Structure formats: structure tokens, C-alpha cells
Amino acid sequence: MKLLIVDDEKLIRDVIKEYARIENFETLEADNGEEALDIINKQSIDLIILDIMMPKMDGFTFLKEVKKDIPVIILSARSEEYDKLAGFDLNADDYLTKPFSPKELMARVKAVLKRYKGTNGELFTYEDLKIDFKAHSVYIKDKELKLTPKEYELLVYFTENENIALSRDVLLNKLWGYDFYGDDRTIDTHIKMLRNNLGKYRDLITTVRGVGYKFVLPKKH
């Protein structure tokens, strides 16, 4: 799979490139947003690792200009909550602050790609509920649900871990990151919104008292 590393610091690009090589990823590089846009318009990219503060075109402007549906992990020295929220509002899939662990970055790359591509082909279906992993969309009776990026990630993560009780801490670490400055009420709020959007399928997400949540498909008789 092919990663695009967008950062104006060559040393950081070199470190990421070396760890990506160990994980058998092919890499391309750009030192600003304009160069990165040119690359993705010419060839297929599976995931973008993106810095924010860059010359010519910064990371946020780049995200606004991208027309293709490509997963993005922001890697930035800017650690303020405002910057993280801005990145997620622009549909970034994850946000990691510098200094960073290259091994953790690669783990997050693989996790995002797994969620994005799906684990059981391109579709998940249950009765009238359908998740199109390739299109990053969820439907009930062919009507697309208006999920936020985090609601979508939660639903996909649940389907990948069917019948497994997932604690709030696990969900926070997997979907928000280890450096998230929030509490487990964040999970409860997003679960409530996701259940509301799922309508008649809201009960597929069950509450496990004293633990967290579990995704359960009723057994067919």
C-alpha cells in the first residue's frame, strides 16, 4: 500500500519512510500542500500522513482542497484542542502530536486503513443496514445516514469486534488516540448519537454494565 508523507522537515519524512519500509509500505514525499495535491491528482494514494505548519500551503488548507476520498492522519506539533477539532472537522481520521513514536504512528496507520477498507470485503450488511467501506457510507433501505466521521468510525469498529465487550477506555484509545484530553462521557455522547441515527437498529449496540458496549447481531432461527 502507498503512503504519502507531507511534511516540510526532511528528517521527519526520513524517519517515517524508514518505519513504513519495515511495515512493507511504499512511500511518496511532499514538503508542502501544493506538492501533495499535485501527487494525489496524478496517482493513487492509500493514506496521507499530514503536517499542519508548512510553507506555500498548510495542512488545513490542503484538507479543504482535497477532492478525493483518502484517509488522513495529521502529524503536528500543534497540540491545542482547537487544532485537533479543526482537523477532525475537515474529516481527518486521526491526529498525532509531535514528538511522536514512529511505531505508534505505524500502528495508527494500519488501524485507520483497516477501518477504512473494512475487514470483510467492501460491504457489511444486516437486513436493511448496509455499510459501504469503500464509499465510507452507511445506509438503511438505501437511504444514506448522516453520520459524523467519529460515529462512522465507532460503527465500523463495532462491526470489526462483533460480540466483544469494549470498554470506554479501549474505544477512546482506539478512535480518539492516547493523547485525547477528554473523559468517557465523550464515548457515551457519541454512542447516543449513533444509536439515534441507526433508528430501528439502535439495539445492535448493547450496554455492558460496568464495562462499556458491545455490538451484537441477533442469531437467526
Protein backbone atom coordinates (compact mmCIF):
# COMPACT_ATOMS: atom_id res chain seq x y z
CA MET A 1 0.00 0.00 0.00
CA LYS A 2 1.15 3.52 -0.75
CA LEU A 3 1.58 6.30 1.85
CA LEU A 4 2.09 9.99 1.09
CA ILE A 5 4.20 11.76 3.73
CA VAL A 6 3.58 15.52 3.70
CA ASP A 7 5.96 17.43 5.98
CA ASP A 8 8.44 20.25 5.44
CA GLU A 9 11.01 18.61 7.76
CA LYS A 10 13.13 16.13 5.82
CA LEU A 11 14.33 14.36 8.98
CA ILE A 12 10.75 13.55 9.96
CA ARG A 13 9.95 12.33 6.46
CA ASP A 14 13.05 10.11 6.52
CA VAL A 15 12.12 8.58 9.90
CA ILE A 16 8.55 7.84 8.80
CA LYS A 17 9.78 6.48 5.49
CA GLU A 18 12.14 4.03 7.22
CA TYR A 19 9.48 2.71 9.59
CA ALA A 20 6.98 2.50 6.73
CA ARG A 21 9.51 0.43 4.75
CA ILE A 22 9.79 -2.00 7.68
CA GLU A 23 5.99 -2.41 7.57
CA ASN A 24 6.15 -3.00 3.78
CA PHE A 25 4.51 0.29 2.80
CA GLU A 26 5.57 2.16 -0.31
CA THR A 27 6.06 5.89 0.31
CA LEU A 28 5.96 9.17 -1.57
CA GLU A 29 7.01 12.54 -0.14
CA ALA A 30 5.96 16.17 -0.35
CA ASP A 31 7.19 19.16 1.67
CA ASN A 32 4.08 21.32 1.25
CA GLY A 33 0.39 21.07 0.46
CA GLU A 34 0.69 22.23 -3.14
CA GLU A 35 3.16 19.48 -3.99
CA ALA A 36 0.97 16.93 -2.20
CA LEU A 37 -2.10 17.95 -4.21
CA ASP A 38 -0.14 17.52 -7.41
CA ILE A 39 0.88 14.00 -6.36
CA ILE A 40 -2.60 12.77 -5.42
CA ASN A 41 -4.03 14.16 -8.65
CA LYS A 42 -1.57 12.06 -10.64
CA GLN A 43 -1.60 8.72 -8.84
CA SER A 44 -3.42 6.54 -6.34
CA ILE A 45 -2.61 7.03 -2.64
CA ASP A 46 -3.92 4.79 0.16
CA LEU A 47 -3.24 7.12 3.12
CA ILE A 48 -1.78 10.57 3.80
CA ILE A 49 0.37 11.49 6.81
CA LEU A 50 0.00 15.27 7.01
CA ASP A 51 1.81 18.06 8.84
CA ILE A 52 -0.10 21.29 9.55
CA MET A 53 2.51 24.07 9.55
CA MET A 54 4.10 24.09 6.10
CA PRO A 55 5.12 26.73 3.54
CA LYS A 56 3.09 27.56 0.40
CA MET A 57 0.02 25.60 1.55
CA ASP A 58 -0.59 24.48 5.14
CA GLY A 59 -2.25 21.23 6.17
CA PHE A 60 -5.69 22.67 6.90
CA THR A 61 -5.83 24.40 3.51
CA PHE A 62 -4.70 21.18 1.87
CA LEU A 63 -7.56 19.25 3.50
CA LYS A 64 -10.05 21.80 2.18
CA GLU A 65 -8.67 21.38 -1.34
CA VAL A 66 -8.57 17.57 -1.47
CA LYS A 67 -11.37 16.22 -3.64
CA LYS A 68 -10.54 12.52 -3.36
CA ASP A 69 -11.68 10.25 -0.54
CA ILE A 70 -8.32 9.37 1.04
CA PRO A 71 -7.78 8.67 4.77
CA VAL A 72 -5.60 11.24 6.54
CA ILE A 73 -3.57 11.14 9.75
CA ILE A 74 -2.46 14.57 10.95
CA LEU A 75 1.01 14.67 12.48
CA SER A 76 1.61 18.08 14.02
CA ALA A 77 3.47 19.98 16.73
CA ARG A 78 0.23 21.87 17.36
CA SER A 79 -1.42 20.08 20.26
CA GLU A 80 -4.20 22.51 21.20
CA GLU A 81 -7.70 21.05 21.33
CA TYR A 82 -8.83 23.71 18.84
CA ASP A 83 -6.37 22.39 16.24
CA LYS A 84 -7.47 18.78 16.78
CA LEU A 85 -11.13 19.68 16.44
CA ALA A 86 -10.37 21.70 13.29
CA GLY A 87 -8.61 18.68 11.82
CA PHE A 88 -11.49 16.32 12.60
CA ASP A 89 -13.99 18.85 11.23
CA LEU A 90 -12.07 18.64 7.95
CA ASN A 91 -12.51 14.85 8.02
CA ALA A 92 -9.04 13.86 9.22
CA ASP A 93 -9.13 10.28 10.51
CA ASP A 94 -6.59 10.62 13.32
CA TYR A 95 -4.36 13.26 14.95
CA LEU A 96 -0.94 12.57 16.48
CA THR A 97 1.21 15.26 18.09
CA LYS A 98 4.97 15.74 17.81
CA PRO A 99 7.24 14.47 19.26
CA PHE A 100 5.81 11.11 18.32
CA SER A 101 6.60 7.41 18.39
CA PRO A 102 7.15 6.08 14.83
CA LYS A 103 5.93 2.66 15.98
CA GLU A 104 2.71 4.18 17.32
CA LEU A 105 2.28 6.11 14.07
CA MET A 106 2.57 2.88 12.06
CA ALA A 107 0.06 1.20 14.38
CA ARG A 108 -2.37 4.05 13.77
CA VAL A 109 -1.76 3.89 10.01
CA LYS A 110 -2.69 0.20 9.99
CA ALA A 111 -5.72 0.80 12.22
CA VAL A 112 -7.06 3.60 10.01
CA LEU A 113 -6.51 1.55 6.85
CA LYS A 114 -8.25 -1.43 8.43
CA ARG A 115 -11.26 0.68 9.39
CA TYR A 116 -11.30 2.44 6.05
CA LYS A 117 -11.07 -0.65 3.86
CA GLY A 118 -13.20 -2.84 6.10
CA THR A 119 -12.34 -6.33 7.25
CA ASN A 120 -14.95 -8.33 5.34
CA GLY A 121 -14.67 -7.07 1.81
CA GLU A 122 -16.25 -3.81 0.75
CA LEU A 123 -19.66 -4.20 2.40
CA PHE A 124 -21.24 -5.08 5.74
CA THR A 125 -24.92 -5.95 5.57
CA TYR A 126 -27.55 -6.91 8.10
CA GLU A 127 -31.16 -6.85 6.93
CA ASP A 128 -31.68 -3.28 5.62
CA LEU A 129 -28.50 -1.93 7.24
CA LYS A 130 -25.51 -1.60 4.91
CA ILE A 131 -22.03 -0.20 5.45
CA ASP A 132 -20.12 0.57 2.26
CA PHE A 133 -16.49 0.67 3.42
CA LYS A 134 -15.20 1.82 0.05
CA ALA A 135 -17.60 4.78 -0.07
CA HIS A 136 -17.34 5.44 3.68
CA SER A 137 -21.14 5.45 3.84
CA VAL A 138 -23.94 3.82 5.84
CA TYR A 139 -27.44 3.11 4.53
CA ILE A 140 -30.79 1.87 5.81
CA LYS A 141 -33.09 0.79 2.97
CA ASP A 142 -30.80 2.63 0.53
CA LYS A 143 -31.22 5.90 2.46
CA GLU A 144 -27.82 7.25 3.47
CA LEU A 145 -27.38 8.11 7.14
CA LYS A 146 -25.78 11.44 8.01
CA LEU A 147 -23.12 10.20 10.41
CA THR A 148 -20.23 12.27 11.70
CA PRO A 149 -16.72 10.85 11.00
CA LYS A 150 -16.44 9.60 14.60
CA GLU A 151 -19.89 7.98 14.53
CA TYR A 152 -18.89 6.16 11.35
CA GLU A 153 -15.59 5.03 12.91
CA LEU A 154 -17.41 3.79 16.01
CA LEU A 155 -19.88 1.76 13.94
CA VAL A 156 -17.13 0.22 11.80
CA TYR A 157 -15.05 -0.60 14.88
CA PHE A 158 -18.06 -2.29 16.45
CA THR A 159 -18.64 -4.44 13.37
CA GLU A 160 -14.97 -5.42 13.37
CA ASN A 161 -15.30 -6.53 17.01
CA GLU A 162 -18.71 -8.19 16.98
CA ASN A 163 -19.73 -9.85 20.28
CA ILE A 164 -16.69 -8.39 22.10
CA ALA A 165 -17.33 -6.18 25.14
CA LEU A 166 -15.40 -2.94 24.54
CA SER A 167 -14.61 -0.65 27.45
CA ARG A 168 -14.84 3.10 27.15
CA ASP A 169 -11.07 3.34 27.63
CA VAL A 170 -10.46 0.98 24.72
CA LEU A 171 -12.80 2.96 22.46
CA LEU A 172 -11.18 6.25 23.47
CA ASN A 173 -7.66 4.92 22.82
CA LYS A 174 -8.54 3.26 19.52
CA LEU A 175 -10.65 6.02 18.00
CA TRP A 176 -9.56 9.24 19.71
CA GLY A 177 -5.93 8.42 20.45
CA TYR A 178 -3.79 8.04 23.52
CA ASP A 179 -3.30 11.79 23.89
CA PHE A 180 -7.01 12.62 23.97
CA TYR A 181 -7.81 15.11 26.75
CA GLY A 182 -11.37 14.10 27.46
CA ASP A 183 -13.34 11.61 29.55
CA ASP A 184 -15.53 8.60 28.94
CA ARG A 185 -18.63 10.79 28.65
CA THR A 186 -17.35 11.55 25.15
CA ILE A 187 -17.98 7.90 24.25
CA ASP A 188 -21.46 7.90 25.82
CA THR A 189 -22.44 11.03 23.88
CA HIS A 190 -21.26 9.62 20.54
CA ILE A 191 -22.93 6.25 21.21
CA LYS A 192 -26.20 8.04 21.96
CA MET A 193 -25.99 10.00 18.68
CA LEU A 194 -25.04 6.86 16.73
CA ARG A 195 -27.94 4.90 18.19
CA ASN A 196 -30.34 7.69 17.30
CA ASN A 197 -29.10 7.64 13.71
CA LEU A 198 -29.40 3.85 13.50
CA GLY A 199 -33.12 4.01 14.26
CA LYS A 200 -34.59 0.51 14.42
CA TYR A 201 -31.07 -0.93 14.58
CA ARG A 202 -30.08 1.07 17.64
CA ASP A 203 -30.26 -2.04 19.84
CA LEU A 204 -27.44 -3.73 17.92
CA ILE A 205 -25.20 -1.66 20.21
CA THR A 206 -25.83 -3.02 23.69
CA THR A 207 -24.66 -1.61 27.02
CA VAL A 208 -22.49 -3.95 29.09
CA ARG A 209 -22.97 -2.83 32.68
CA GLY A 210 -19.71 -1.93 34.40
CA VAL A 211 -17.71 -2.38 31.18
CA GLY A 212 -18.86 -0.42 28.16
CA TYR A 213 -20.57 -1.51 24.93
CA LYS A 214 -20.91 -4.50 22.63
CA PHE A 215 -22.14 -4.95 19.07
CA VAL A 216 -24.42 -7.97 18.81
CA LEU A 217 -26.29 -9.31 15.78
CA PRO A 218 -29.35 -11.40 16.75
CA LYS A 219 -28.99 -15.07 15.86
CA LYS A 220 -31.18 -16.29 13.03
CA HIS A 221 -33.62 -19.05 13.96
